[in-house]
């Protein structure tokens, strides 16, 4: 069931035009920026969007320019199926690496203690109102989220069609606290 659902949602997401991604992302990011949790956060881990995901490139660039928050991005290392963290100083420090995702070039990696994270923007293919998500199937974020402080706020950014009724909960799942869409914000109790 999960595989079929993933394919359907990815197909729908891939059918969005560049303009639709831009417009919808702008509204979603606007709602994210209005959240008290976001405004208070100093150290934020952002996924770097790819393949019509809710676009995070512009907000990352904007926040880097403002220099009021520490922007952290994930990267992976060959043969190590886990997420590592690096502080980002400039968007040009990124290059396509694992899975075609922009990650820090080796010479720019500045390690970050995950205990310092205030907020994590988590990618996903589908989300439900209980904060569960379907990722890409490699388990990087599932493993990572299990290791962070419980009080670190976890937020998913989603288009309306990515919200489904119920995602079967699995033992390794760590639910998100908030899911932000263009016209709705879901807070998980």
N, C-alpha and C. Protein backbone atom coordinates (compact mmCIF):
# COMPACT_ATOMS: atom_id res chain seq x y z
N UNK A 1 0.82 -1.20 0.00
CA UNK A 1 0.00 0.00 0.00
C UNK A 1 0.87 1.27 0.00
N UNK A 2 1.92 1.26 0.85
CA UNK A 2 2.79 2.43 0.93
C UNK A 2 3.45 2.73 -0.41
N UNK A 3 3.88 1.68 -1.10
CA UNK A 3 4.57 1.87 -2.39
C UNK A 3 3.63 2.51 -3.43
N UNK A 4 2.40 2.02 -3.49
CA UNK A 4 1.42 2.56 -4.44
C UNK A 4 1.14 4.02 -4.11
N UNK A 5 0.94 4.30 -2.84
CA UNK A 5 0.67 5.65 -2.38
C UNK A 5 1.84 6.58 -2.72
N UNK A 6 3.06 6.12 -2.45
CA UNK A 6 4.25 6.92 -2.76
C UNK A 6 4.29 7.26 -4.24
N UNK A 7 4.05 6.26 -5.08
CA UNK A 7 4.09 6.48 -6.53
C UNK A 7 3.04 7.50 -6.96
N UNK A 8 1.83 7.39 -6.41
CA UNK A 8 0.74 8.31 -6.77
C UNK A 8 1.09 9.75 -6.39
N UNK A 9 1.59 9.92 -5.17
CA UNK A 9 1.88 11.27 -4.68
C UNK A 9 3.09 11.86 -5.41
N UNK A 10 4.11 11.06 -5.65
CA UNK A 10 5.28 11.55 -6.38
C UNK A 10 4.86 11.95 -7.80
N UNK A 11 4.00 11.15 -8.42
CA UNK A 11 3.52 11.46 -9.77
C UNK A 11 2.79 12.81 -9.76
N UNK A 12 1.93 13.00 -8.77
CA UNK A 12 1.19 14.26 -8.66
C UNK A 12 2.15 15.43 -8.40
N UNK A 13 3.11 15.21 -7.52
CA UNK A 13 4.08 16.26 -7.21
C UNK A 13 4.92 16.60 -8.45
N UNK A 14 5.33 15.59 -9.19
CA UNK A 14 6.14 15.81 -10.40
C UNK A 14 5.35 16.52 -11.50
N UNK A 15 4.02 16.45 -11.44
CA UNK A 15 3.19 17.10 -12.46
C UNK A 15 3.02 18.60 -12.20
N UNK A 16 3.44 19.07 -11.02
CA UNK A 16 3.35 20.50 -10.73
C UNK A 16 4.29 21.27 -11.64
N UNK A 17 3.83 22.41 -12.11
CA UNK A 17 4.71 23.25 -12.92
C UNK A 17 5.68 23.99 -11.99
N UNK A 18 6.71 24.53 -12.57
CA UNK A 18 7.69 25.31 -11.79
C UNK A 18 6.98 26.47 -11.10
N UNK A 19 6.04 27.10 -11.81
CA UNK A 19 5.29 28.23 -11.27
C UNK A 19 4.42 27.78 -10.08
N UNK A 20 3.76 26.64 -10.22
CA UNK A 20 2.92 26.13 -9.12
C UNK A 20 3.77 25.83 -7.88
N UNK A 21 4.93 25.22 -8.08
CA UNK A 21 5.83 24.92 -6.96
C UNK A 21 6.22 26.23 -6.27
N UNK A 22 6.58 27.21 -7.07
CA UNK A 22 7.01 28.51 -6.54
C UNK A 22 5.88 29.17 -5.73
N UNK A 23 4.67 29.23 -6.32
CA UNK A 23 3.54 29.89 -5.65
C UNK A 23 3.12 29.18 -4.38
N UNK A 24 2.96 27.86 -4.47
CA UNK A 24 2.54 27.09 -3.29
C UNK A 24 3.61 27.14 -2.20
N UNK A 25 4.86 27.01 -2.60
CA UNK A 25 5.97 27.03 -1.64
C UNK A 25 6.03 28.36 -0.92
N UNK A 26 5.80 29.43 -1.65
CA UNK A 26 5.85 30.77 -1.04
C UNK A 26 4.82 30.89 0.09
N UNK A 27 3.61 30.38 -0.14
CA UNK A 27 2.57 30.42 0.89
C UNK A 27 2.94 29.53 2.08
N UNK A 28 3.42 28.34 1.78
CA UNK A 28 3.80 27.39 2.85
C UNK A 28 4.92 27.97 3.69
N UNK A 29 5.94 28.52 3.03
CA UNK A 29 7.08 29.10 3.75
C UNK A 29 6.63 30.33 4.55
N UNK A 30 5.70 31.10 4.01
CA UNK A 30 5.15 32.24 4.75
C UNK A 30 4.50 31.78 6.05
N UNK A 31 3.75 30.69 5.99
CA UNK A 31 3.11 30.13 7.20
C UNK A 31 4.15 29.59 8.17
N UNK A 32 5.21 28.99 7.64
CA UNK A 32 6.29 28.49 8.50
C UNK A 32 6.93 29.64 9.25
N UNK A 33 7.24 30.72 8.54
CA UNK A 33 7.91 31.86 9.15
C UNK A 33 7.05 32.53 10.22
N UNK A 34 5.74 32.40 10.11
CA UNK A 34 4.82 33.01 11.08
C UNK A 34 4.71 32.20 12.37
N UNK A 35 5.17 30.96 12.35
CA UNK A 35 5.06 30.12 13.54
C UNK A 35 5.98 30.63 14.66
N UNK A 36 5.45 30.65 15.86
CA UNK A 36 6.24 31.07 17.02
C UNK A 36 7.47 30.17 17.19
N UNK A 37 7.29 28.87 16.97
CA UNK A 37 8.40 27.92 17.11
C UNK A 37 9.53 28.25 16.14
N UNK A 38 9.17 28.68 14.95
CA UNK A 38 10.18 29.04 13.95
C UNK A 38 10.87 30.34 14.36
N UNK A 39 10.08 31.32 14.78
CA UNK A 39 10.64 32.62 15.15
C UNK A 39 11.61 32.52 16.33
N UNK A 40 11.31 31.63 17.27
CA UNK A 40 12.16 31.47 18.45
C UNK A 40 13.42 30.64 18.17
N UNK A 41 13.36 29.79 17.15
CA UNK A 41 14.46 28.85 16.89
C UNK A 41 15.72 29.57 16.43
N UNK A 42 16.83 29.14 16.97
CA UNK A 42 18.13 29.71 16.60
C UNK A 42 18.88 28.77 15.64
N UNK A 43 18.80 27.47 15.91
CA UNK A 43 19.51 26.47 15.11
C UNK A 43 18.51 25.59 14.37
N UNK A 44 18.42 25.79 13.05
CA UNK A 44 17.39 25.12 12.25
C UNK A 44 18.04 24.20 11.22
N UNK A 45 17.60 22.94 11.24
CA UNK A 45 18.03 21.98 10.21
C UNK A 45 17.00 22.00 9.10
N UNK A 46 17.44 22.35 7.89
CA UNK A 46 16.58 22.37 6.72
C UNK A 46 16.95 21.25 5.78
N UNK A 47 15.95 20.57 5.20
CA UNK A 47 16.25 19.73 4.04
C UNK A 47 16.43 20.69 2.87
N UNK A 48 17.25 20.34 1.91
CA UNK A 48 17.44 21.15 0.72
C UNK A 48 16.59 20.51 -0.37
N UNK A 49 15.55 21.21 -0.77
CA UNK A 49 14.52 20.62 -1.64
C UNK A 49 15.05 20.18 -2.99
N UNK A 50 14.38 19.15 -3.52
CA UNK A 50 14.72 18.56 -4.82
C UNK A 50 13.43 17.98 -5.41
N UNK A 51 13.37 17.85 -6.72
CA UNK A 51 12.25 17.16 -7.39
C UNK A 51 10.86 17.66 -7.00
N UNK A 52 10.63 18.97 -7.06
CA UNK A 52 9.32 19.56 -6.79
C UNK A 52 8.84 19.43 -5.34
N UNK A 53 9.74 19.13 -4.41
CA UNK A 53 9.36 19.20 -2.99
C UNK A 53 9.02 20.67 -2.70
N UNK A 54 8.36 20.91 -1.57
CA UNK A 54 8.14 22.30 -1.16
C UNK A 54 9.53 22.94 -1.14
N UNK A 55 9.66 24.04 -1.87
CA UNK A 55 10.96 24.66 -2.10
C UNK A 55 11.52 25.30 -0.84
N UNK A 56 12.71 24.88 -0.45
CA UNK A 56 13.38 25.47 0.72
C UNK A 56 14.57 26.35 0.32
N UNK A 57 14.91 26.37 -0.96
CA UNK A 57 16.11 27.11 -1.38
C UNK A 57 16.03 28.60 -1.03
N UNK A 58 14.88 29.22 -1.33
CA UNK A 58 14.76 30.67 -1.12
C UNK A 58 14.82 31.05 0.35
N UNK A 59 14.14 30.29 1.20
CA UNK A 59 14.18 30.65 2.63
C UNK A 59 15.57 30.41 3.21
N UNK A 60 16.24 29.38 2.75
CA UNK A 60 17.61 29.14 3.23
C UNK A 60 18.49 30.34 2.84
N UNK A 61 18.42 30.77 1.60
CA UNK A 61 19.22 31.92 1.14
C UNK A 61 18.87 33.18 1.93
N UNK A 62 17.58 33.39 2.14
CA UNK A 62 17.11 34.57 2.87
C UNK A 62 17.64 34.58 4.30
N UNK A 63 17.56 33.43 4.96
CA UNK A 63 18.02 33.34 6.35
C UNK A 63 19.54 33.44 6.45
N UNK A 64 20.25 32.92 5.47
CA UNK A 64 21.71 33.06 5.47
C UNK A 64 22.10 34.53 5.37
N UNK A 65 21.38 35.26 4.54
CA UNK A 65 21.67 36.69 4.35
C UNK A 65 21.37 37.46 5.64
N UNK A 66 20.27 37.12 6.31
CA UNK A 66 19.86 37.83 7.53
C UNK A 66 20.81 37.55 8.70
N UNK A 67 21.45 36.39 8.70
CA UNK A 67 22.42 36.01 9.73
C UNK A 67 21.86 36.03 11.16
N UNK A 68 20.55 35.79 11.31
CA UNK A 68 19.96 35.78 12.65
C UNK A 68 19.81 34.37 13.19
N UNK A 69 19.85 33.39 12.29
CA UNK A 69 19.69 31.99 12.69
C UNK A 69 20.83 31.19 12.09
N UNK A 70 21.15 30.09 12.74
CA UNK A 70 22.14 29.17 12.19
C UNK A 70 21.41 28.17 11.30
N UNK A 71 21.81 28.11 10.04
CA UNK A 71 21.19 27.20 9.09
C UNK A 71 22.07 25.97 8.97
N UNK A 72 21.46 24.84 9.22
CA UNK A 72 22.16 23.56 9.20
C UNK A 72 21.53 22.70 8.12
N UNK A 73 22.34 21.98 7.39
CA UNK A 73 21.83 21.10 6.35
C UNK A 73 22.39 19.69 6.57
N UNK A 74 21.63 18.69 6.10
CA UNK A 74 22.11 17.32 6.25
C UNK A 74 23.02 16.92 5.09
N UNK A 75 23.88 15.96 5.39
CA UNK A 75 24.64 15.32 4.32
C UNK A 75 24.85 13.86 4.69
N UNK A 76 25.21 13.08 3.72
CA UNK A 76 25.43 11.65 3.96
C UNK A 76 26.85 11.30 3.50
N UNK A 77 27.32 10.17 3.96
CA UNK A 77 28.63 9.68 3.55
C UNK A 77 28.48 8.26 3.03
N UNK A 78 29.14 8.00 1.94
CA UNK A 78 29.09 6.68 1.31
C UNK A 78 29.35 5.57 2.34
N UNK A 79 28.46 4.59 2.32
CA UNK A 79 28.65 3.44 3.20
C UNK A 79 28.19 3.66 4.63
N UNK A 80 27.69 4.86 4.94
CA UNK A 80 27.20 5.14 6.29
C UNK A 80 25.76 5.63 6.18
N UNK A 81 24.80 4.74 6.41
CA UNK A 81 23.39 5.09 6.20
C UNK A 81 22.81 5.96 7.32
N UNK A 82 23.41 7.14 7.50
CA UNK A 82 22.87 8.05 8.50
C UNK A 82 23.11 9.49 8.06
N UNK A 83 22.44 10.40 8.74
CA UNK A 83 22.54 11.82 8.44
C UNK A 83 23.63 12.45 9.30
N UNK A 84 24.45 13.26 8.66
CA UNK A 84 25.43 14.08 9.36
C UNK A 84 24.97 15.53 9.18
N UNK A 85 25.43 16.42 10.06
CA UNK A 85 24.98 17.80 10.02
C UNK A 85 26.14 18.75 9.75
N UNK A 86 25.85 19.79 8.97
CA UNK A 86 26.86 20.81 8.70
C UNK A 86 26.20 22.18 8.71
N UNK A 87 26.89 23.14 9.36
CA UNK A 87 26.40 24.52 9.35
C UNK A 87 26.71 25.11 7.98
N UNK A 88 25.73 25.83 7.45
CA UNK A 88 25.87 26.43 6.13
C UNK A 88 26.13 27.92 6.29
N UNK A 89 27.12 28.43 5.57
CA UNK A 89 27.41 29.87 5.60
C UNK A 89 26.91 30.56 4.33
N UNK A 90 26.93 29.81 3.20
CA UNK A 90 26.54 30.37 1.92
C UNK A 90 25.97 29.25 1.05
N UNK A 91 24.94 29.58 0.28
CA UNK A 91 24.29 28.56 -0.56
C UNK A 91 25.25 27.97 -1.60
N UNK A 92 26.26 28.74 -1.98
CA UNK A 92 27.23 28.26 -2.98
C UNK A 92 28.13 27.16 -2.43
N UNK A 93 28.06 26.89 -1.13
CA UNK A 93 28.85 25.80 -0.53
C UNK A 93 28.26 24.43 -0.87
N UNK A 94 27.07 24.43 -1.49
CA UNK A 94 26.38 23.17 -1.79
C UNK A 94 26.65 22.69 -3.20
N UNK A 95 26.63 21.37 -3.37
CA UNK A 95 26.74 20.75 -4.69
C UNK A 95 25.89 19.47 -4.68
N UNK A 96 25.42 19.02 -5.87
CA UNK A 96 24.65 17.78 -5.91
C UNK A 96 25.53 16.61 -5.49
N UNK A 97 25.03 15.84 -4.53
CA UNK A 97 25.77 14.66 -4.07
C UNK A 97 24.81 13.48 -3.99
N UNK A 98 24.68 12.86 -2.83
CA UNK A 98 23.84 11.66 -2.69
C UNK A 98 22.44 11.90 -3.21
N UNK A 99 21.95 10.99 -4.04
CA UNK A 99 20.59 11.05 -4.58
C UNK A 99 20.32 12.34 -5.36
N UNK A 100 21.37 13.05 -5.77
CA UNK A 100 21.20 14.31 -6.51
C UNK A 100 20.81 15.48 -5.63
N UNK A 101 20.86 15.29 -4.31
CA UNK A 101 20.47 16.33 -3.35
C UNK A 101 21.67 17.25 -3.11
N UNK A 102 21.39 18.55 -3.00
CA UNK A 102 22.47 19.49 -2.68
C UNK A 102 22.95 19.26 -1.26
N UNK A 103 24.25 19.04 -1.13
CA UNK A 103 24.89 18.83 0.17
C UNK A 103 26.17 19.66 0.20
N UNK A 104 26.71 19.92 1.39
CA UNK A 104 27.94 20.73 1.46
C UNK A 104 29.10 20.04 0.74
N UNK A 105 29.86 20.87 0.00
CA UNK A 105 31.11 20.37 -0.58
C UNK A 105 32.01 20.01 0.60
N UNK A 106 32.82 19.01 0.41
CA UNK A 106 33.64 18.50 1.52
C UNK A 106 34.42 19.60 2.25
N UNK A 107 34.99 20.53 1.49
CA UNK A 107 35.83 21.57 2.12
C UNK A 107 35.01 22.54 2.98
N UNK A 108 33.68 22.53 2.83
CA UNK A 108 32.84 23.45 3.61
C UNK A 108 32.12 22.78 4.77
N UNK A 109 32.35 21.51 4.99
CA UNK A 109 31.64 20.83 6.07
C UNK A 109 32.10 21.37 7.42
N UNK A 110 31.11 21.84 8.19
CA UNK A 110 31.35 22.35 9.54
C UNK A 110 30.38 21.60 10.45
N UNK A 111 30.86 20.57 11.10
CA UNK A 111 30.01 19.71 11.91
C UNK A 111 29.23 20.46 12.97
N UNK A 112 28.04 19.94 13.26
CA UNK A 112 27.15 20.54 14.26
C UNK A 112 26.67 19.45 15.19
N UNK A 113 26.62 19.76 16.48
CA UNK A 113 26.09 18.82 17.47
C UNK A 113 24.57 18.81 17.37
N UNK A 114 24.00 17.64 17.11
CA UNK A 114 22.54 17.55 16.94
C UNK A 114 21.78 17.98 18.20
N UNK A 115 22.43 17.96 19.33
CA UNK A 115 21.81 18.40 20.58
C UNK A 115 21.51 19.89 20.59
N UNK A 116 22.13 20.63 19.69
CA UNK A 116 21.92 22.08 19.62
C UNK A 116 20.73 22.47 18.75
N UNK A 117 20.15 21.51 18.02
CA UNK A 117 19.04 21.82 17.12
C UNK A 117 17.79 22.25 17.90
N UNK A 118 17.18 23.33 17.44
CA UNK A 118 15.91 23.79 18.02
C UNK A 118 14.73 23.31 17.17
N UNK A 119 14.98 23.21 15.86
CA UNK A 119 13.90 22.92 14.94
C UNK A 119 14.44 22.15 13.73
N UNK A 120 13.66 21.20 13.26
CA UNK A 120 14.04 20.40 12.10
C UNK A 120 12.92 20.45 11.07
N UNK A 121 13.26 20.83 9.85
CA UNK A 121 12.31 20.80 8.74
C UNK A 121 12.55 19.47 8.04
N UNK A 122 11.55 18.59 8.14
CA UNK A 122 11.69 17.19 7.70
C UNK A 122 11.01 16.98 6.34
N UNK A 123 11.71 16.36 5.38
CA UNK A 123 11.07 16.07 4.11
C UNK A 123 10.14 14.87 4.22
N UNK A 124 9.25 14.74 3.25
CA UNK A 124 8.37 13.57 3.24
C UNK A 124 7.58 13.52 1.95
N UNK A 125 7.09 12.35 1.64
CA UNK A 125 6.24 12.18 0.46
C UNK A 125 4.78 12.35 0.86
N UNK A 126 4.42 11.78 2.02
CA UNK A 126 3.05 11.89 2.50
C UNK A 126 3.07 12.06 4.02
N UNK A 127 2.01 12.70 4.53
CA UNK A 127 1.89 12.97 5.96
C UNK A 127 0.45 12.70 6.37
N UNK A 128 0.25 12.35 7.66
CA UNK A 128 -1.12 12.28 8.16
C UNK A 128 -1.28 13.25 9.32
N UNK A 129 -2.51 13.38 9.80
CA UNK A 129 -2.79 14.39 10.83
C UNK A 129 -2.24 14.02 12.20
N UNK A 130 -1.69 12.80 12.32
CA UNK A 130 -1.05 12.39 13.57
C UNK A 130 0.46 12.62 13.54
N UNK A 131 0.92 13.29 12.48
CA UNK A 131 2.34 13.61 12.39
C UNK A 131 3.21 12.51 11.80
N UNK A 132 2.58 11.43 11.35
CA UNK A 132 3.37 10.36 10.73
C UNK A 132 3.66 10.73 9.29
N UNK A 133 4.74 10.19 8.77
CA UNK A 133 5.14 10.52 7.41
C UNK A 133 5.61 9.28 6.67
N UNK A 134 5.53 9.38 5.36
CA UNK A 134 6.15 8.37 4.51
C UNK A 134 7.32 9.09 3.85
N UNK A 135 8.51 8.57 4.08
CA UNK A 135 9.70 9.16 3.49
C UNK A 135 10.03 8.45 2.19
N UNK A 136 11.28 8.53 1.82
CA UNK A 136 11.70 7.95 0.55
C UNK A 136 12.09 6.49 0.66
N UNK A 137 12.07 5.94 1.87
CA UNK A 137 12.28 4.51 2.02
C UNK A 137 13.67 4.09 2.42
N UNK A 138 14.55 5.06 2.61
CA UNK A 138 15.92 4.70 2.99
C UNK A 138 16.13 4.75 4.50
N UNK A 139 15.21 5.39 5.21
CA UNK A 139 15.27 5.40 6.67
C UNK A 139 16.23 6.40 7.30
N UNK A 140 16.84 7.28 6.50
CA UNK A 140 17.80 8.23 7.05
C UNK A 140 17.18 9.11 8.13
N UNK A 141 16.04 9.72 7.81
CA UNK A 141 15.41 10.62 8.78
C UNK A 141 14.81 9.84 9.94
N UNK A 142 14.24 8.66 9.69
CA UNK A 142 13.69 7.85 10.78
C UNK A 142 14.77 7.56 11.83
N UNK A 143 15.92 7.11 11.36
CA UNK A 143 17.02 6.80 12.29
C UNK A 143 17.50 8.07 13.00
N UNK A 144 17.61 9.15 12.24
CA UNK A 144 18.10 10.40 12.80
C UNK A 144 17.15 10.95 13.86
N UNK A 145 15.86 10.99 13.56
CA UNK A 145 14.88 11.57 14.49
C UNK A 145 14.81 10.80 15.81
N UNK A 146 15.15 9.53 15.77
CA UNK A 146 15.17 8.73 17.00
C UNK A 146 16.27 9.18 17.96
N UNK A 147 17.28 9.88 17.43
CA UNK A 147 18.46 10.22 18.24
C UNK A 147 18.47 11.65 18.75
N UNK A 148 17.47 12.44 18.40
CA UNK A 148 17.51 13.85 18.80
C UNK A 148 16.71 14.10 20.08
N UNK A 149 16.94 15.26 20.68
CA UNK A 149 16.21 15.64 21.89
C UNK A 149 14.71 15.62 21.61
N UNK A 150 13.97 15.12 22.57
CA UNK A 150 12.52 15.00 22.41
C UNK A 150 11.84 16.35 22.22
N UNK A 151 12.42 17.41 22.81
CA UNK A 151 11.79 18.73 22.72
C UNK A 151 12.18 19.51 21.46
N UNK A 152 12.99 18.92 20.59
CA UNK A 152 13.31 19.57 19.32
C UNK A 152 12.06 19.51 18.44
N UNK A 153 11.63 20.66 17.94
CA UNK A 153 10.40 20.73 17.13
C UNK A 153 10.67 20.18 15.74
N UNK A 154 9.78 19.29 15.30
CA UNK A 154 9.90 18.65 13.99
C UNK A 154 8.72 19.09 13.13
N UNK A 155 9.04 19.69 11.98
CA UNK A 155 8.01 20.26 11.11
C UNK A 155 8.11 19.67 9.70
N UNK A 156 6.96 19.30 9.15
CA UNK A 156 6.88 18.88 7.76
C UNK A 156 6.25 19.98 6.93
N UNK A 157 6.74 20.16 5.73
CA UNK A 157 6.16 21.12 4.78
C UNK A 157 5.46 20.30 3.71
N UNK A 158 4.19 20.63 3.42
CA UNK A 158 3.44 19.76 2.50
C UNK A 158 2.46 20.53 1.64
N UNK A 159 2.28 19.99 0.43
CA UNK A 159 1.17 20.42 -0.41
C UNK A 159 -0.06 19.68 0.11
N UNK A 160 -1.24 20.24 -0.09
CA UNK A 160 -2.48 19.64 0.41
C UNK A 160 -2.63 18.18 -0.01
N UNK A 161 -2.27 17.84 -1.26
CA UNK A 161 -2.45 16.47 -1.73
C UNK A 161 -1.51 15.47 -1.06
N UNK A 162 -0.53 15.97 -0.30
CA UNK A 162 0.38 15.06 0.41
C UNK A 162 -0.19 14.62 1.76
N UNK A 163 -1.31 15.19 2.16
CA UNK A 163 -1.94 14.82 3.44
C UNK A 163 -2.92 13.69 3.17
N UNK A 164 -2.71 12.57 3.85
CA UNK A 164 -3.61 11.44 3.69
C UNK A 164 -4.25 11.10 5.04
N UNK A 165 -5.30 10.30 4.99
CA UNK A 165 -6.08 10.01 6.20
C UNK A 165 -5.24 9.37 7.30
N UNK A 166 -4.58 8.26 6.97
CA UNK A 166 -3.81 7.57 8.01
C UNK A 166 -2.64 6.84 7.39
N UNK A 167 -1.49 7.03 7.99
CA UNK A 167 -0.30 6.28 7.59
C UNK A 167 -0.10 5.21 8.65
N UNK A 168 0.01 3.95 8.24
CA UNK A 168 0.23 2.90 9.23
C UNK A 168 1.50 3.20 10.03
N UNK A 169 1.36 3.22 11.34
CA UNK A 169 2.47 3.54 12.22
C UNK A 169 3.41 2.34 12.33
N UNK A 170 4.69 2.62 12.24
CA UNK A 170 5.69 1.57 12.40
C UNK A 170 6.52 1.88 13.63
N UNK A 171 7.16 0.86 14.15
CA UNK A 171 7.91 0.96 15.41
C UNK A 171 8.96 2.07 15.37
N UNK A 172 9.61 2.25 14.24
CA UNK A 172 10.70 3.23 14.15
C UNK A 172 10.22 4.66 13.89
N UNK A 173 8.92 4.86 13.70
CA UNK A 173 8.40 6.19 13.37
C UNK A 173 8.53 7.17 14.53
N UNK A 174 8.94 8.38 14.21
CA UNK A 174 8.94 9.48 15.17
C UNK A 174 8.02 10.54 14.57
N UNK A 175 6.86 10.78 15.19
CA UNK A 175 5.91 11.73 14.60
C UNK A 175 6.42 13.17 14.62
N UNK A 176 5.96 13.93 13.64
CA UNK A 176 6.28 15.36 13.57
C UNK A 176 5.35 16.10 14.53
N UNK A 177 5.75 17.32 14.89
CA UNK A 177 4.92 18.14 15.78
C UNK A 177 3.94 19.00 15.00
N UNK A 178 4.38 19.44 13.82
CA UNK A 178 3.58 20.39 13.03
C UNK A 178 3.74 20.05 11.54
N UNK A 179 2.64 20.19 10.81
CA UNK A 179 2.70 20.08 9.35
C UNK A 179 2.15 21.38 8.79
N UNK A 180 2.94 22.03 7.96
CA UNK A 180 2.58 23.34 7.43
C UNK A 180 2.20 23.20 5.96
N UNK A 181 1.02 23.71 5.63
CA UNK A 181 0.55 23.75 4.24
C UNK A 181 0.23 25.20 3.88
N UNK A 182 -0.22 25.42 2.66
CA UNK A 182 -0.52 26.78 2.21
C UNK A 182 -1.72 27.37 2.94
N UNK A 183 -2.74 26.53 3.20
CA UNK A 183 -3.98 27.06 3.80
C UNK A 183 -4.31 26.44 5.15
N UNK A 184 -3.41 25.65 5.68
CA UNK A 184 -3.71 24.96 6.95
C UNK A 184 -2.41 24.61 7.66
N UNK A 185 -2.49 24.63 8.97
CA UNK A 185 -1.38 24.18 9.80
C UNK A 185 -1.92 23.11 10.73
N UNK A 186 -1.30 21.96 10.69
CA UNK A 186 -1.73 20.86 11.58
C UNK A 186 -0.77 20.79 12.75
N UNK A 187 -1.33 20.90 13.94
CA UNK A 187 -0.52 20.73 15.15
C UNK A 187 -0.88 19.38 15.73
N UNK A 188 0.11 18.55 15.93
CA UNK A 188 -0.12 17.20 16.44
C UNK A 188 -0.14 17.26 17.97
N UNK A 189 -1.19 16.72 18.53
CA UNK A 189 -1.33 16.74 19.99
C UNK A 189 -0.47 15.67 20.63
